[in-house]
Amino acid sequence: MKTDYLALKAAGHSLFRMTNQGLDCSLVRANMERIVSNSDWFPVWTAVGADFEELGDAAAVQGNLVSAGQLLTKAALAYHFAQYLHFEDLDEKKRAAAAKVACYTRALPMQPVPGMRLAIPYNGRTIPAVLRSPPGGARVALALLVCGSDSSKEEHFAIEREFLARGMATLSFDGPGQGEVSDWMPMGPSYHEAVSAVIDYVQAEEGIDPRRIGVVGFGFGGMLAVNSAAADQRIRACISVSGYFDMGVMNWDDPIRSWRFAHIVGVETIAAAREVARGFTLEGWCDRLDCPVLVMHGQADAGIPAAAAKKIADRIGANAEYCLVEAGVHCFHNVAFRTTPLICDWLAAHV
């Protein structure tokens, strides 16, 4: 499948997302101008990643660890966005993804709040995760961050800082079908079991208050977060950001979305992906929720109608709050200055 990167560039969504997650606006704009055909996207952004990686490693050798951490984090983001929708050559995709992980892992101890890389046992293998705790040593609430269909734990660095500033710890992880785990386990409707395994492990970590765990999911991860909160009562509060009730919203004629879904669930045809999609639903789960849930959606979301999010809140009932952001695109990348404080403050107040 060939991704129409020119359409993504024209829509502006990638610009919003890349800058919101930590790449400089001027850098993103300048390199977007270099993309004049779909074949340009991958080499342009891997070259940006390689430049940042070289600068970051040089800074580390010189003992400039703050700069090294910043530069290697940006390298990881550039490599991530090079490959996140790159399905034309899966070997290239894997190499860029590996470079992303390597740069981010090297950056972790040099970031403002150092991250601890965890290997969480699951199904005979391990789920990679990054745990951060605010300074002070006290037991604190935890924000458990669930990725969507084309994101990975490395993309959560920006919002992790916001939770940490509010005195919460954060844990970002790659679940089935995501990031590093996609190499050995596709995503399935039992994703919530992986979330429970993460909680099993992290609740024993020093500095984490196991009675104050909240979950936030972004995009497809919004559905996964609600499902996880319904399945595991240790989750005290839940936020769905641009999530949806079921896969009835899927536009199977959209090659980006349809092949992306096929990739994360580990099938080779759209027909097989459509069959797997039937199992992804909150039907029968919403009435099991006994924690507060904030359901947020953007009215300007071009891919997911607001009704698909409101259905979650309606089915949950009294425990749900519904927040429709008029100008917000998918995952609020264009209005994060408004929505990120709301997300972080709400979770901090409800765990």
Protein backbone atom coordinates (compact mmCIF):
# COMPACT_ATOMS: atom_id res chain seq x y z
CA MET A 1 0.00 0.00 0.00
CA LYS A 2 1.36 3.42 -0.96
CA THR A 3 0.58 6.17 1.55
CA ASP A 4 -0.61 9.49 0.14
CA TYR A 5 1.72 11.71 2.15
CA LEU A 6 0.94 14.70 -0.05
CA ALA A 7 -2.67 14.55 1.12
CA LEU A 8 -1.51 14.39 4.74
CA LYS A 9 0.76 17.37 4.13
CA ALA A 10 -2.05 19.36 2.52
CA ALA A 11 -4.44 18.58 5.37
CA GLY A 12 -1.98 19.95 7.90
CA HIS A 13 -2.67 17.17 10.41
CA SER A 14 0.91 15.89 10.39
CA LEU A 15 2.22 19.41 10.97
CA PHE A 16 0.01 19.83 14.04
CA ARG A 17 0.89 16.41 15.39
CA MET A 18 4.64 16.61 14.84
CA THR A 19 5.01 20.05 16.39
CA ASN A 20 2.69 19.24 19.29
CA GLN A 21 4.76 16.16 20.13
CA GLY A 22 8.04 18.04 20.25
CA LEU A 23 9.54 18.80 16.84
CA ASP A 24 10.20 22.48 16.14
CA CYS A 25 7.60 24.13 13.93
CA SER A 26 10.21 25.78 11.70
CA LEU A 27 11.96 22.42 11.20
CA VAL A 28 8.73 20.65 10.31
CA ARG A 29 7.63 23.37 7.89
CA ALA A 30 11.03 23.48 6.16
CA ASN A 31 11.13 19.73 5.67
CA MET A 32 7.50 19.54 4.56
CA GLU A 33 8.54 21.86 1.71
CA ARG A 34 11.09 19.27 0.62
CA ILE A 35 8.34 16.68 0.15
CA VAL A 36 7.11 17.04 -3.41
CA SER A 37 6.22 13.39 -4.06
CA ASN A 38 5.03 10.54 -1.86
CA SER A 39 8.40 8.81 -2.16
CA ASP A 40 10.09 11.78 -0.44
CA TRP A 41 8.47 11.36 2.99
CA PHE A 42 10.45 8.44 4.36
CA PRO A 43 13.95 9.56 3.28
CA VAL A 44 13.33 13.17 4.31
CA TRP A 45 12.31 12.31 7.87
CA THR A 46 14.87 9.53 8.36
CA ALA A 47 17.53 12.05 7.32
CA VAL A 48 16.19 14.49 9.92
CA GLY A 49 16.36 11.71 12.50
CA ALA A 50 19.92 10.85 11.53
CA ASP A 51 20.99 14.51 11.81
CA PHE A 52 19.52 14.82 15.30
CA GLU A 53 21.05 11.49 16.30
CA GLU A 54 24.52 12.58 15.19
CA LEU A 55 24.21 15.89 17.02
CA GLY A 56 22.87 14.19 20.15
CA ASP A 57 25.63 11.60 20.31
CA ALA A 58 28.26 14.31 19.77
CA ALA A 59 26.78 16.37 22.59
CA ALA A 60 26.88 13.34 24.89
CA VAL A 61 30.56 12.72 24.10
CA GLN A 62 31.29 16.37 24.96
CA GLY A 63 29.47 16.01 28.28
CA ASN A 64 26.57 18.28 27.26
CA LEU A 65 23.96 15.91 28.58
CA VAL A 66 20.98 18.26 28.58
CA SER A 67 21.50 18.97 24.89
CA ALA A 68 22.13 15.29 24.19
CA GLY A 69 18.85 14.31 25.81
CA GLN A 70 16.92 16.94 23.86
CA LEU A 71 18.51 16.07 20.53
CA LEU A 72 18.14 12.30 20.87
CA THR A 73 14.48 12.72 21.88
CA LYS A 74 13.90 14.72 18.70
CA ALA A 75 15.78 12.09 16.70
CA ALA A 76 13.39 9.46 18.03
CA LEU A 77 10.38 11.57 17.04
CA ALA A 78 11.72 12.15 13.52
CA TYR A 79 12.36 8.43 13.03
CA HIS A 80 8.88 7.70 14.42
CA PHE A 81 7.13 9.98 11.96
CA ALA A 82 9.26 8.67 9.10
CA GLN A 83 7.87 5.17 9.57
CA TYR A 84 4.50 5.53 11.30
CA LEU A 85 2.53 5.16 8.07
CA HIS A 86 5.25 3.56 5.95
CA PHE A 87 3.89 0.23 4.72
CA GLU A 88 5.51 0.15 1.27
CA ASP A 89 8.70 -1.49 2.59
CA LEU A 90 8.33 -3.18 5.96
CA ASP A 91 12.08 -3.75 6.30
CA GLU A 92 12.63 0.01 6.02
CA LYS A 93 9.84 0.57 8.52
CA LYS A 94 11.47 -1.80 11.01
CA ARG A 95 14.89 -0.17 10.64
CA ALA A 96 13.47 3.30 11.30
CA ALA A 97 11.44 1.99 14.23
CA ALA A 98 14.56 0.38 15.70
CA ALA A 99 16.45 3.66 15.33
CA LYS A 100 13.60 5.43 17.12
CA VAL A 101 13.78 3.06 20.07
CA ALA A 102 17.59 3.19 20.25
CA CYS A 103 17.70 7.00 20.28
CA TYR A 104 14.93 7.30 22.85
CA THR A 105 16.52 4.70 25.11
CA ARG A 106 19.81 6.59 25.04
CA ALA A 107 17.94 9.84 25.78
CA LEU A 108 16.03 8.53 28.81
CA PRO A 109 18.64 9.16 31.56
CA MET A 110 19.38 12.63 30.15
CA GLN A 111 15.81 13.91 29.95
CA PRO A 112 14.62 16.51 32.52
CA VAL A 113 12.75 13.82 34.47
CA PRO A 114 14.72 10.68 33.64
CA GLY A 115 12.74 7.75 32.33
CA MET A 116 13.20 4.17 33.54
CA ARG A 117 12.82 1.54 30.85
CA LEU A 118 10.83 -1.46 32.10
CA ALA A 119 10.38 -4.96 30.70
CA ILE A 120 6.94 -6.11 31.87
CA PRO A 121 6.22 -9.86 31.64
CA TYR A 122 3.34 -10.74 29.32
CA ASN A 123 2.51 -13.93 27.41
CA GLY A 124 5.99 -15.34 27.81
CA ARG A 125 7.64 -12.18 26.46
CA THR A 126 7.98 -8.64 27.79
CA ILE A 127 6.14 -5.38 27.14
CA PRO A 128 8.53 -2.42 26.94
CA ALA A 129 7.50 0.61 28.96
CA VAL A 130 8.87 3.89 30.26
CA LEU A 131 8.16 4.94 33.85
CA ARG A 132 8.75 8.45 35.14
CA SER A 133 8.19 9.69 38.68
CA PRO A 134 8.31 13.26 39.99
CA PRO A 135 11.13 14.04 42.43
CA GLY A 136 10.47 13.72 46.12
CA GLY A 137 10.12 10.00 46.76
CA ALA A 138 6.50 10.08 47.97
CA ARG A 139 3.94 7.59 46.65
CA VAL A 140 2.02 9.38 43.90
CA ALA A 141 -0.81 8.80 41.46
CA LEU A 142 -0.01 7.21 38.10
CA ALA A 143 -1.16 8.25 34.63
CA LEU A 144 -1.13 5.16 32.43
CA LEU A 145 -0.94 6.28 28.78
CA VAL A 146 -2.40 4.07 26.06
CA CYS A 147 -1.24 4.48 22.46
CA GLY A 148 -3.48 4.52 19.41
CA SER A 149 -3.23 2.71 16.10
CA ASP A 150 -0.09 4.40 14.76
CA SER A 151 1.61 5.80 17.86
CA SER A 152 4.09 4.34 20.33
CA LYS A 153 5.39 5.12 23.79
CA GLU A 154 8.04 7.51 22.42
CA GLU A 155 5.30 9.90 21.27
CA HIS A 156 4.08 10.58 24.81
CA PHE A 157 7.08 12.59 26.00
CA ALA A 158 5.31 15.97 25.72
CA ILE A 159 2.20 15.04 27.69
CA GLU A 160 4.23 13.10 30.25
CA ARG A 161 5.89 16.38 31.23
CA GLU A 162 2.47 17.90 31.92
CA PHE A 163 1.40 15.09 34.24
CA LEU A 164 4.76 15.19 36.02
CA ALA A 165 4.35 18.94 36.58
CA ARG A 166 1.12 18.10 38.43
CA GLY A 167 2.88 15.66 40.74
CA MET A 168 1.83 12.46 38.95
CA ALA A 169 3.99 9.62 37.71
CA THR A 170 3.56 8.41 34.13
CA LEU A 171 3.88 5.09 32.39
CA SER A 172 3.86 4.77 28.60
CA PHE A 173 4.05 1.35 27.00
CA ASP A 174 3.79 -0.49 23.70
CA GLY A 175 0.90 -2.92 23.84
CA PRO A 176 -0.01 -5.64 21.34
CA GLY A 177 0.17 -4.32 17.78
CA GLN A 178 2.06 -1.20 18.85
CA GLY A 179 5.69 -0.13 18.67
CA GLU A 180 8.16 -2.81 19.66
CA VAL A 181 5.47 -5.35 20.53
CA SER A 182 4.06 -5.30 17.00
CA ASP A 183 7.02 -7.45 15.96
CA TRP A 184 5.77 -10.41 17.97
CA MET A 185 2.12 -9.86 18.91
CA PRO A 186 -0.71 -8.30 16.88
CA MET A 187 -3.47 -6.35 18.56
CA GLY A 188 -6.72 -8.10 19.46
CA PRO A 189 -9.91 -7.38 21.39
CA SER A 190 -8.22 -8.72 24.54
CA TYR A 191 -5.84 -5.73 24.65
CA HIS A 192 -7.15 -4.97 28.15
CA GLU A 193 -5.32 -8.05 29.41
CA ALA A 194 -2.03 -6.38 28.53
CA VAL A 195 -3.10 -3.27 30.46
CA SER A 196 -3.87 -5.43 33.50
CA ALA A 197 -0.42 -7.04 33.21
CA VAL A 198 1.13 -3.57 33.18
CA ILE A 199 -0.80 -2.63 36.33
CA ASP A 200 0.19 -5.90 38.01
CA TYR A 201 3.82 -4.96 37.50
CA VAL A 202 3.86 -1.23 38.10
CA GLN A 203 1.72 -1.20 41.25
CA ALA A 204 4.66 -2.81 43.05
CA GLU A 205 7.07 -0.06 41.95
CA GLU A 206 8.36 2.11 44.74
CA GLY A 207 6.79 5.56 44.57
CA ILE A 208 3.52 4.48 42.91
CA ASP A 209 0.27 4.61 44.87
CA PRO A 210 -1.62 1.53 43.59
CA ARG A 211 -4.92 3.02 44.76
CA ARG A 212 -4.55 6.01 42.42
CA ILE A 213 -4.13 4.72 38.87
CA GLY A 214 -5.78 6.50 35.97
CA VAL A 215 -5.71 5.65 32.26
CA VAL A 216 -5.72 7.93 29.22
CA GLY A 217 -6.11 6.66 25.67
CA PHE A 218 -5.63 8.58 22.44
CA GLY A 219 -7.54 7.90 19.21
CA PHE A 220 -8.08 4.16 18.89
CA GLY A 221 -6.44 4.03 22.30
CA GLY A 222 -9.49 5.86 23.67
CA MET A 223 -11.60 2.78 23.02
CA LEU A 224 -8.86 0.57 24.47
CA ALA A 225 -8.64 2.72 27.60
CA VAL A 226 -12.38 2.55 28.28
CA ASN A 227 -12.36 -1.22 27.70
CA SER A 228 -9.42 -1.57 30.11
CA ALA A 229 -11.11 0.52 32.81
CA ALA A 230 -14.22 -1.65 32.53
CA ALA A 231 -12.16 -4.83 32.77
CA ASP A 232 -9.89 -3.80 35.67
CA GLN A 233 -11.38 -2.09 38.71
CA ARG A 234 -7.97 -0.98 39.93
CA ILE A 235 -8.28 1.85 37.39
CA ARG A 236 -9.77 4.77 39.31
CA ALA A 237 -10.44 7.16 36.42
CA CYS A 238 -10.36 7.06 32.63
CA ILE A 239 -10.09 9.53 29.76
CA SER A 240 -10.92 8.75 26.13
CA VAL A 241 -9.40 11.31 23.74
CA SER A 242 -10.91 11.05 20.24
CA GLY A 243 -12.00 7.47 20.90
CA TYR A 244 -15.03 5.69 19.52
CA PHE A 245 -17.53 3.03 20.53
CA ASP A 246 -16.82 0.46 17.83
CA MET A 247 -15.34 0.00 14.38
CA GLY A 248 -18.54 0.99 12.64
CA VAL A 249 -16.87 4.38 12.06
CA MET A 250 -14.14 2.83 9.94
CA ASN A 251 -13.92 4.02 6.34
CA TRP A 252 -12.61 0.90 4.66
CA ASP A 253 -12.22 2.81 1.39
CA ASP A 254 -9.51 4.94 3.02
CA PRO A 255 -6.28 3.05 2.22
CA ILE A 256 -4.26 4.67 5.02
CA ARG A 257 -6.71 3.78 7.77
CA SER A 258 -7.63 0.34 6.44
CA TRP A 259 -4.06 -0.90 5.84
CA ARG A 260 -2.88 0.65 9.10
CA PHE A 261 -5.52 -1.38 10.93
CA ALA A 262 -4.61 -4.52 8.99
CA HIS A 263 -0.98 -4.01 10.02
CA ILE A 264 -1.64 -3.67 13.75
CA VAL A 265 -3.95 -6.70 13.88
CA GLY A 266 -1.50 -8.77 11.87
CA VAL A 267 -3.50 -9.69 8.77
CA GLU A 268 -2.63 -9.37 5.09
CA THR A 269 -5.95 -8.43 3.49
CA ILE A 270 -8.59 -5.79 4.10
CA ALA A 271 -11.25 -8.51 4.11
CA ALA A 272 -9.47 -10.21 7.01
CA ALA A 273 -9.07 -6.86 8.79
CA ARG A 274 -12.80 -6.18 8.52
CA GLU A 275 -13.53 -9.52 10.12
CA VAL A 276 -11.14 -8.87 13.01
CA ALA A 277 -12.62 -5.39 13.47
CA ARG A 278 -15.96 -6.86 14.53
CA GLY A 279 -14.40 -7.85 17.85
CA PHE A 280 -13.35 -4.30 18.74
CA THR A 281 -16.39 -2.85 20.47
CA LEU A 282 -17.44 -1.42 23.82
CA GLU A 283 -20.76 -3.23 23.60
CA GLY A 284 -21.28 -4.99 26.93
CA TRP A 285 -18.42 -3.12 28.62
CA CYS A 286 -19.75 0.36 29.34
CA ASP A 287 -22.29 -0.83 31.92
CA ARG A 288 -19.44 -2.47 33.85
CA LEU A 289 -17.65 0.82 34.50
CA ASP A 290 -17.75 2.10 38.06
CA CYS A 291 -15.09 4.81 37.76
CA PRO A 292 -15.49 8.36 36.39
CA VAL A 293 -14.82 8.68 32.66
CA LEU A 294 -14.11 11.80 30.63
CA VAL A 295 -14.96 11.40 26.94
CA MET A 296 -13.40 14.12 24.78
CA HIS A 297 -13.78 14.68 21.07
CA GLY A 298 -13.05 17.32 18.46
CA GLN A 299 -15.86 18.60 16.30
CA ALA A 300 -13.33 19.18 13.51
CA ASP A 301 -12.13 15.54 13.58
CA ALA A 302 -12.20 14.63 9.90
CA GLY A 303 -12.02 10.89 10.47
CA ILE A 304 -14.21 10.13 13.47
CA PRO A 305 -17.67 11.71 13.90
CA ALA A 306 -18.46 13.20 17.30
CA ALA A 307 -21.45 10.86 17.60
CA ALA A 308 -19.07 7.90 17.82
CA ALA A 309 -17.53 9.37 20.97
CA LYS A 310 -20.79 10.60 22.46
CA LYS A 311 -22.12 7.06 22.19
CA ILE A 312 -19.48 6.00 24.72
CA ALA A 313 -20.61 8.64 27.21
CA ASP A 314 -24.29 7.88 26.61
CA ARG A 315 -23.79 4.16 27.21
CA ILE A 316 -21.76 4.76 30.38
CA GLY A 317 -24.37 7.11 31.80
CA ALA A 318 -23.96 9.00 35.06
CA ASN A 319 -20.26 8.18 35.49
CA ALA A 320 -19.35 9.87 32.20
CA GLU A 321 -18.63 13.47 31.24
CA TYR A 322 -18.71 14.42 27.57
CA CYS A 323 -16.58 17.29 26.27
CA LEU A 324 -16.88 18.38 22.63
CA VAL A 325 -14.13 20.78 21.55
CA GLU A 326 -15.43 22.85 18.65
CA ALA A 327 -12.19 23.47 16.73
CA GLY A 328 -10.37 20.29 17.69
CA VAL A 329 -8.99 17.89 15.10
CA HIS A 330 -8.23 14.25 15.87
CA CYS A 331 -6.46 13.99 19.25
CA PHE A 332 -6.55 17.81 19.54
CA HIS A 333 -3.11 18.33 18.00
CA ASN A 334 -4.18 21.79 16.80
CA VAL A 335 -5.62 22.94 20.14
CA ALA A 336 -3.39 21.14 22.65
CA PHE A 337 -2.81 24.43 24.46
CA ARG A 338 -6.49 24.21 25.48
CA THR A 339 -7.03 20.49 25.90
CA THR A 340 -3.81 19.22 27.51
CA PRO A 341 -4.36 21.22 30.72
CA LEU A 342 -7.94 19.98 30.88
CA ILE A 343 -6.87 16.35 30.40
CA CYS A 344 -4.12 16.51 33.02
CA ASP A 345 -6.10 18.50 35.58
CA TRP A 346 -9.14 16.24 35.27
CA LEU A 347 -7.16 13.04 35.78
CA ALA A 348 -5.20 14.52 38.69
CA ALA A 349 -8.48 15.47 40.38
CA HIS A 350 -10.15 12.08 39.88
CA VAL A 351 -7.50 9.55 40.95
